Amino acid sequence: MSGTFQTNSIDWQIHLLQMRIAEWLDRLLPTSNRGPSPGWSLPEWFFRSAFWIMASLLTVWIGWQLYILLRPYLAPYWFSRSSPPNPSESSIAVESLSVSQWLGRSRTFAQQGNYQEACRALYLATLQKLDDQGLIPAQFSRTDGEYWQLLQTLPNSRPYRVLFQTHERLCFGDREISQQIFQECEQAYREIDPV
């Protein structure tokens, strides 16, 4: 009766690797001038340790590659399980201020030379004014395009266009907002609210 037997295993492959490395080292490192000694070899623990070190390094490298590959897909899941965001750390666009407070911020930023934030504050003052007047409820999830569609029904929509186009440039463009652009936005806001 013949039984089945295993013709290959990890232990056998490790043993073959150890033998090959030992033979290579025998040829490389002769122990005397006459050539390598036939009975000399490195201890078995050396080969086992070398194998496990290489296997560990390979596993770490594969794990790192998988992490890099899957990070964009897993990051939203990891961050959604973290603690909820602190409202005091939210961005300027989510703050709920009055129109006069937004206008004050705009002036302060303009005096500091930060025309990008000054224009953003004018934009947010405009949204707050529309909300206060009951024309368009403020929803920060709306895009500028959605606001613009709602604003086209108003009789004087040109100043709104200036503010919304500047805000789009601010958020999606790479152009700097200059003092001149800020002054155009400020003039557009004065047309909206002549007070």
C-alpha atoms as a PDB file:
ATOM      1  CA  MET A   1       0.000   0.000   0.000  1.00  0.00           C
ATOM      2  CA  SER A   2       1.323   3.306  -0.866  1.00  0.00           C
ATOM      3  CA  GLY A   3       0.252   6.335   1.144  1.00  0.00           C
ATOM      4  CA  THR A   4       0.269   9.949   0.266  1.00  0.00           C
ATOM      5  CA  PHE A   5       3.052  12.076   1.580  1.00  0.00           C
ATOM      6  CA  GLN A   6       3.984  15.703   1.452  1.00  0.00           C
ATOM      7  CA  THR A   7       6.640  16.478  -1.142  1.00  0.00           C
ATOM      8  CA  ASN A   8       7.274  20.067  -0.095  1.00  0.00           C
ATOM      9  CA  SER A   9       6.880  22.162   3.041  1.00  0.00           C
ATOM     10  CA  ILE A  10       8.049  25.439   4.558  1.00  0.00           C
ATOM     11  CA  ASP A  11      10.492  23.624   6.845  1.00  0.00           C
ATOM     12  CA  TRP A  12      12.001  21.826   3.851  1.00  0.00           C
ATOM     13  CA  GLN A  13      12.330  25.121   1.931  1.00  0.00           C
ATOM     14  CA  ILE A  14      13.995  26.754   4.962  1.00  0.00           C
ATOM     15  CA  HIS A  15      16.397  23.817   5.226  1.00  0.00           C
ATOM     16  CA  LEU A  16      17.258  24.115   1.505  1.00  0.00           C
ATOM     17  CA  LEU A  17      17.787  27.857   1.861  1.00  0.00           C
ATOM     18  CA  GLN A  18      20.071  27.300   4.834  1.00  0.00           C
ATOM     19  CA  MET A  19      22.094  24.748   2.911  1.00  0.00           C
ATOM     20  CA  ARG A  20      22.460  27.035  -0.091  1.00  0.00           C
ATOM     21  CA  ILE A  21      23.556  29.973   2.052  1.00  0.00           C
ATOM     22  CA  ALA A  22      26.024  27.764   3.929  1.00  0.00           C
ATOM     23  CA  GLU A  23      27.498  26.463   0.661  1.00  0.00           C
ATOM     24  CA  TRP A  24      27.761  30.000  -0.685  1.00  0.00           C
ATOM     25  CA  LEU A  25      29.511  31.168   2.497  1.00  0.00           C
ATOM     26  CA  ASP A  26      31.870  28.157   2.342  1.00  0.00           C
ATOM     27  CA  ARG A  27      32.966  29.168  -1.109  1.00  0.00           C
ATOM     28  CA  LEU A  28      33.187  32.822  -0.141  1.00  0.00           C
ATOM     29  CA  LEU A  29      35.043  32.512   3.176  1.00  0.00           C
ATOM     30  CA  PRO A  30      37.850  29.970   3.044  1.00  0.00           C
ATOM     31  CA  THR A  31      39.132  28.993   6.492  1.00  0.00           C
ATOM     32  CA  SER A  32      42.708  28.430   5.315  1.00  0.00           C
ATOM     33  CA  ASN A  33      44.910  28.906   2.277  1.00  0.00           C
ATOM     34  CA  ARG A  34      44.084  25.434   1.041  1.00  0.00           C
ATOM     35  CA  GLY A  35      40.390  26.227   0.457  1.00  0.00           C
ATOM     36  CA  PRO A  36      37.214  25.849   2.405  1.00  0.00           C
ATOM     37  CA  SER A  37      36.994  23.086   4.952  1.00  0.00           C
ATOM     38  CA  PRO A  38      34.412  20.488   4.038  1.00  0.00           C
ATOM     39  CA  GLY A  39      32.808  20.218   7.480  1.00  0.00           C
ATOM     40  CA  TRP A  40      32.428  23.901   8.283  1.00  0.00           C
ATOM     41  CA  SER A  41      28.989  25.589   8.306  1.00  0.00           C
ATOM     42  CA  LEU A  42      27.148  28.308  10.141  1.00  0.00           C
ATOM     43  CA  PRO A  43      24.931  27.300  13.041  1.00  0.00           C
ATOM     44  CA  GLU A  44      21.344  26.490  12.288  1.00  0.00           C
ATOM     45  CA  TRP A  45      20.021  29.234  14.597  1.00  0.00           C
ATOM     46  CA  PHE A  46      21.744  31.820  12.410  1.00  0.00           C
ATOM     47  CA  PHE A  47      19.799  30.738   9.344  1.00  0.00           C
ATOM     48  CA  ARG A  48      16.498  30.512  11.203  1.00  0.00           C
ATOM     49  CA  SER A  49      17.041  33.996  12.654  1.00  0.00           C
ATOM     50  CA  ALA A  50      17.988  35.417   9.256  1.00  0.00           C
ATOM     51  CA  PHE A  51      14.901  33.847   7.701  1.00  0.00           C
ATOM     52  CA  TRP A  52      12.527  35.232  10.337  1.00  0.00           C
ATOM     53  CA  ILE A  53      14.092  38.678  10.158  1.00  0.00           C
ATOM     54  CA  MET A  54      13.651  38.732   6.384  1.00  0.00           C
ATOM     55  CA  ALA A  55      10.101  37.375   6.672  1.00  0.00           C
ATOM     56  CA  SER A  56       9.247  40.036   9.274  1.00  0.00           C
ATOM     57  CA  LEU A  57      10.694  42.826   7.132  1.00  0.00           C
ATOM     58  CA  LEU A  58       8.782  41.566   4.115  1.00  0.00           C
ATOM     59  CA  THR A  59       5.553  41.438   6.132  1.00  0.00           C
ATOM     60  CA  VAL A  60       6.078  44.986   7.407  1.00  0.00           C
ATOM     61  CA  TRP A  61       6.815  46.211   3.886  1.00  0.00           C
ATOM     62  CA  ILE A  62       3.680  44.540   2.471  1.00  0.00           C
ATOM     63  CA  GLY A  63       1.614  45.962   5.337  1.00  0.00           C
ATOM     64  CA  TRP A  64       2.968  49.455   4.669  1.00  0.00           C
ATOM     65  CA  GLN A  65       2.189  49.164   0.960  1.00  0.00           C
ATOM     66  CA  LEU A  66      -1.367  48.060   1.751  1.00  0.00           C
ATOM     67  CA  TYR A  67      -1.757  50.960   4.193  1.00  0.00           C
ATOM     68  CA  ILE A  68      -0.624  53.453   1.545  1.00  0.00           C
ATOM     69  CA  LEU A  69      -2.934  51.881  -1.020  1.00  0.00           C
ATOM     70  CA  LEU A  70      -6.022  51.710   1.221  1.00  0.00           C
ATOM     71  CA  ARG A  71      -5.541  54.912   3.271  1.00  0.00           C
ATOM     72  CA  PRO A  72      -7.741  57.109   1.020  1.00  0.00           C
ATOM     73  CA  TYR A  73     -10.584  54.618   1.322  1.00  0.00           C
ATOM     74  CA  LEU A  74     -10.281  53.950   5.052  1.00  0.00           C
ATOM     75  CA  ALA A  75      -9.575  57.483   6.319  1.00  0.00           C
ATOM     76  CA  PRO A  76     -13.216  58.661   6.213  1.00  0.00           C
ATOM     77  CA  TYR A  77     -14.253  55.555   8.145  1.00  0.00           C
ATOM     78  CA  TRP A  78     -11.555  56.049  10.785  1.00  0.00           C
ATOM     79  CA  PHE A  79     -12.291  59.745  11.209  1.00  0.00           C
ATOM     80  CA  SER A  80     -16.059  59.230  11.391  1.00  0.00           C
ATOM     81  CA  ARG A  81     -15.544  56.999  14.448  1.00  0.00           C
ATOM     82  CA  SER A  82     -13.395  59.566  16.198  1.00  0.00           C
ATOM     83  CA  SER A  83     -14.834  62.095  18.603  1.00  0.00           C
ATOM     84  CA  PRO A  84     -17.326  64.580  17.161  1.00  0.00           C
ATOM     85  CA  PRO A  85     -15.895  67.905  16.030  1.00  0.00           C
ATOM     86  CA  ASN A  86     -15.708  70.681  18.565  1.00  0.00           C
ATOM     87  CA  PRO A  87     -17.987  73.561  17.494  1.00  0.00           C
ATOM     88  CA  SER A  88     -15.456  76.114  18.712  1.00  0.00           C
ATOM     89  CA  GLU A  89     -12.906  74.690  16.262  1.00  0.00           C
ATOM     90  CA  SER A  90     -15.192  74.990  13.242  1.00  0.00           C
ATOM     91  CA  SER A  91     -14.217  77.174  10.333  1.00  0.00           C
ATOM     92  CA  ILE A  92     -15.213  80.772   9.839  1.00  0.00           C
ATOM     93  CA  ALA A  93     -17.844  79.799   7.247  1.00  0.00           C
ATOM     94  CA  VAL A  94     -19.942  77.903   9.794  1.00  0.00           C
ATOM     95  CA  GLU A  95     -20.054  80.622  12.428  1.00  0.00           C
ATOM     96  CA  SER A  96     -23.409  82.311  12.879  1.00  0.00           C
ATOM     97  CA  LEU A  97     -22.828  86.038  13.221  1.00  0.00           C
ATOM     98  CA  SER A  98     -24.994  89.046  12.522  1.00  0.00           C
ATOM     99  CA  VAL A  99     -24.575  91.143   9.400  1.00  0.00           C
ATOM    100  CA  SER A 100     -22.909  93.946  11.382  1.00  0.00           C
ATOM    101  CA  GLN A 101     -20.448  91.473  12.941  1.00  0.00           C
ATOM    102  CA  TRP A 102     -19.518  90.124   9.498  1.00  0.00           C
ATOM    103  CA  LEU A 103     -19.061  93.661   8.208  1.00  0.00           C
ATOM    104  CA  GLY A 104     -16.848  94.468  11.214  1.00  0.00           C
ATOM    105  CA  ARG A 105     -14.727  91.410  10.489  1.00  0.00           C
ATOM    106  CA  SER A 106     -14.474  92.456   6.872  1.00  0.00           C
ATOM    107  CA  ARG A 107     -13.169  95.903   7.841  1.00  0.00           C
ATOM    108  CA  THR A 108     -10.724  94.398  10.335  1.00  0.00           C
ATOM    109  CA  PHE A 109      -9.344  91.943   7.772  1.00  0.00           C
ATOM    110  CA  ALA A 110      -9.080  94.696   5.145  1.00  0.00           C
ATOM    111  CA  GLN A 111      -7.124  96.908   7.562  1.00  0.00           C
ATOM    112  CA  GLN A 112      -4.756  93.988   8.180  1.00  0.00           C
ATOM    113  CA  GLY A 113      -4.297  93.540   4.421  1.00  0.00           C
ATOM    114  CA  ASN A 114      -6.011  90.139   4.413  1.00  0.00           C
ATOM    115  CA  TYR A 115      -8.308  90.832   1.460  1.00  0.00           C
ATOM    116  CA  GLN A 116      -9.245  87.192   0.970  1.00  0.00           C
ATOM    117  CA  GLU A 117     -10.807  86.928   4.413  1.00  0.00           C
ATOM    118  CA  ALA A 118     -12.293  90.418   4.042  1.00  0.00           C
ATOM    119  CA  CYS A 119     -14.082  89.339   0.841  1.00  0.00           C
ATOM    120  CA  ARG A 120     -15.203  86.098   2.490  1.00  0.00           C
ATOM    121  CA  ALA A 121     -16.674  88.091   5.389  1.00  0.00           C
ATOM    122  CA  LEU A 122     -18.566  90.322   2.912  1.00  0.00           C
ATOM    123  CA  TYR A 123     -19.886  87.205   1.188  1.00  0.00           C
ATOM    124  CA  LEU A 124     -21.048  85.761   4.518  1.00  0.00           C
ATOM    125  CA  ALA A 125     -22.612  89.103   5.482  1.00  0.00           C
ATOM    126  CA  THR A 126     -24.551  88.942   2.215  1.00  0.00           C
ATOM    127  CA  LEU A 127     -25.779  85.422   2.974  1.00  0.00           C
ATOM    128  CA  GLN A 128     -26.788  86.495   6.481  1.00  0.00           C
ATOM    129  CA  LYS A 129     -28.610  89.556   5.096  1.00  0.00           C
ATOM    130  CA  LEU A 130     -30.543  87.389   2.627  1.00  0.00           C
ATOM    131  CA  ASP A 131     -31.463  85.075   5.494  1.00  0.00           C
ATOM    132  CA  ASP A 132     -32.495  87.966   7.781  1.00  0.00           C
ATOM    133  CA  GLN A 133     -34.708  89.425   5.053  1.00  0.00           C
ATOM    134  CA  GLY A 134     -36.311  86.024   4.459  1.00  0.00           C
ATOM    135  CA  LEU A 135     -35.334  86.031   0.785  1.00  0.00           C
ATOM    136  CA  ILE A 136     -33.056  82.976   0.827  1.00  0.00           C
ATOM    137  CA  PRO A 137     -32.500  80.936   3.996  1.00  0.00           C
ATOM    138  CA  ALA A 138     -28.793  80.520   4.740  1.00  0.00           C
ATOM    139  CA  GLN A 139     -27.616  76.965   4.229  1.00  0.00           C
ATOM    140  CA  PHE A 140     -23.870  76.585   4.111  1.00  0.00           C
ATOM    141  CA  SER A 141     -24.288  73.314   2.238  1.00  0.00           C
ATOM    142  CA  ARG A 142     -25.496  75.268  -0.803  1.00  0.00           C
ATOM    143  CA  THR A 143     -23.013  76.022  -3.517  1.00  0.00           C
ATOM    144  CA  ASP A 144     -22.442  79.449  -5.013  1.00  0.00           C
ATOM    145  CA  GLY A 145     -24.156  78.204  -8.163  1.00  0.00           C
ATOM    146  CA  GLU A 146     -27.276  77.215  -6.222  1.00  0.00           C
ATOM    147  CA  TYR A 147     -27.366  80.609  -4.517  1.00  0.00           C
ATOM    148  CA  TRP A 148     -26.855  82.302  -7.856  1.00  0.00           C
ATOM    149  CA  GLN A 149     -29.848  80.468  -9.378  1.00  0.00           C
ATOM    150  CA  LEU A 150     -32.014  81.646  -6.477  1.00  0.00           C
ATOM    151  CA  LEU A 151     -30.673  85.215  -6.726  1.00  0.00           C
ATOM    152  CA  GLN A 152     -31.417  85.627 -10.425  1.00  0.00           C
ATOM    153  CA  THR A 153     -35.065  86.221  -9.546  1.00  0.00           C
ATOM    154  CA  LEU A 154     -34.143  89.392  -7.622  1.00  0.00           C
ATOM    155  CA  PRO A 155     -34.459  92.716  -9.518  1.00  0.00           C
ATOM    156  CA  ASN A 156     -30.855  93.895  -8.925  1.00  0.00           C
ATOM    157  CA  SER A 157     -28.702  90.779  -9.067  1.00  0.00           C
ATOM    158  CA  ARG A 158     -25.471  92.301 -10.478  1.00  0.00           C
ATOM    159  CA  PRO A 159     -23.879  93.091  -7.073  1.00  0.00           C
ATOM    160  CA  TYR A 160     -24.642  89.560  -5.905  1.00  0.00           C
ATOM    161  CA  ARG A 161     -22.873  88.224  -8.995  1.00  0.00           C
ATOM    162  CA  VAL A 162     -19.717  90.196  -8.109  1.00  0.00           C
ATOM    163  CA  LEU A 163     -19.679  88.812  -4.553  1.00  0.00           C
ATOM    164  CA  PHE A 164     -20.436  85.225  -5.558  1.00  0.00           C
ATOM    165  CA  GLN A 165     -17.929  85.158  -8.418  1.00  0.00           C
ATOM    166  CA  THR A 166     -15.266  86.553  -6.105  1.00  0.00           C
ATOM    167  CA  HIS A 167     -16.110  83.889  -3.538  1.00  0.00           C
ATOM    168  CA  GLU A 168     -15.777  81.194  -6.207  1.00  0.00           C
ATOM    169  CA  ARG A 169     -12.355  82.587  -7.173  1.00  0.00           C
ATOM    170  CA  LEU A 170     -11.436  82.661  -3.513  1.00  0.00           C
ATOM    171  CA  CYS A 171     -12.389  79.026  -2.913  1.00  0.00           C
ATOM    172  CA  PHE A 172     -11.568  77.384  -6.233  1.00  0.00           C
ATOM    173  CA  GLY A 173      -9.066  79.645  -7.946  1.00  0.00           C
ATOM    174  CA  ASP A 174      -5.402  80.196  -7.363  1.00  0.00           C
ATOM    175  CA  ARG A 175      -5.534  83.962  -7.891  1.00  0.00           C
ATOM    176  CA  GLU A 176      -4.793  86.277  -5.015  1.00  0.00           C
ATOM    177  CA  ILE A 177      -7.554  88.638  -3.960  1.00  0.00           C
ATOM    178  CA  SER A 178      -6.155  92.147  -4.287  1.00  0.00           C
ATOM    179  CA  GLN A 179      -7.221  95.382  -2.647  1.00  0.00           C
ATOM    180  CA  GLN A 180      -8.921  96.419  -5.897  1.00  0.00           C
ATOM    181  CA  ILE A 181     -11.024  93.245  -5.970  1.00  0.00           C
ATOM    182  CA  PHE A 182     -11.935  93.801  -2.321  1.00  0.00           C
ATOM    183  CA  GLN A 183     -13.029  97.357  -3.130  1.00  0.00           C
ATOM    184  CA  GLU A 184     -15.212  96.029  -5.956  1.00  0.00           C
ATOM    185  CA  CYS A 185     -16.803  93.595  -3.516  1.00  0.00           C
ATOM    186  CA  GLU A 186     -17.274  96.338  -0.946  1.00  0.00           C
ATOM    187  CA  GLN A 187     -18.943  98.530  -3.596  1.00  0.00           C
ATOM    188  CA  ALA A 188     -21.186  95.619  -4.611  1.00  0.00           C
ATOM    189  CA  TYR A 189     -22.209  95.123  -0.980  1.00  0.00           C
ATOM    190  CA  ARG A 190     -23.033  98.852  -0.664  1.00  0.00           C
ATOM    191  CA  GLU A 191     -25.348  98.441  -3.679  1.00  0.00           C
ATOM    192  CA  ILE A 192     -27.082  95.574  -1.871  1.00  0.00           C
ATOM    193  CA  ASP A 193     -27.246  97.379   1.468  1.00  0.00           C
ATOM    194  CA  PRO A 194     -26.923 101.147   0.906  1.00  0.00           C
ATOM    195  CA  VAL A 195     -26.997 101.966   4.640  1.00  0.00           C
END
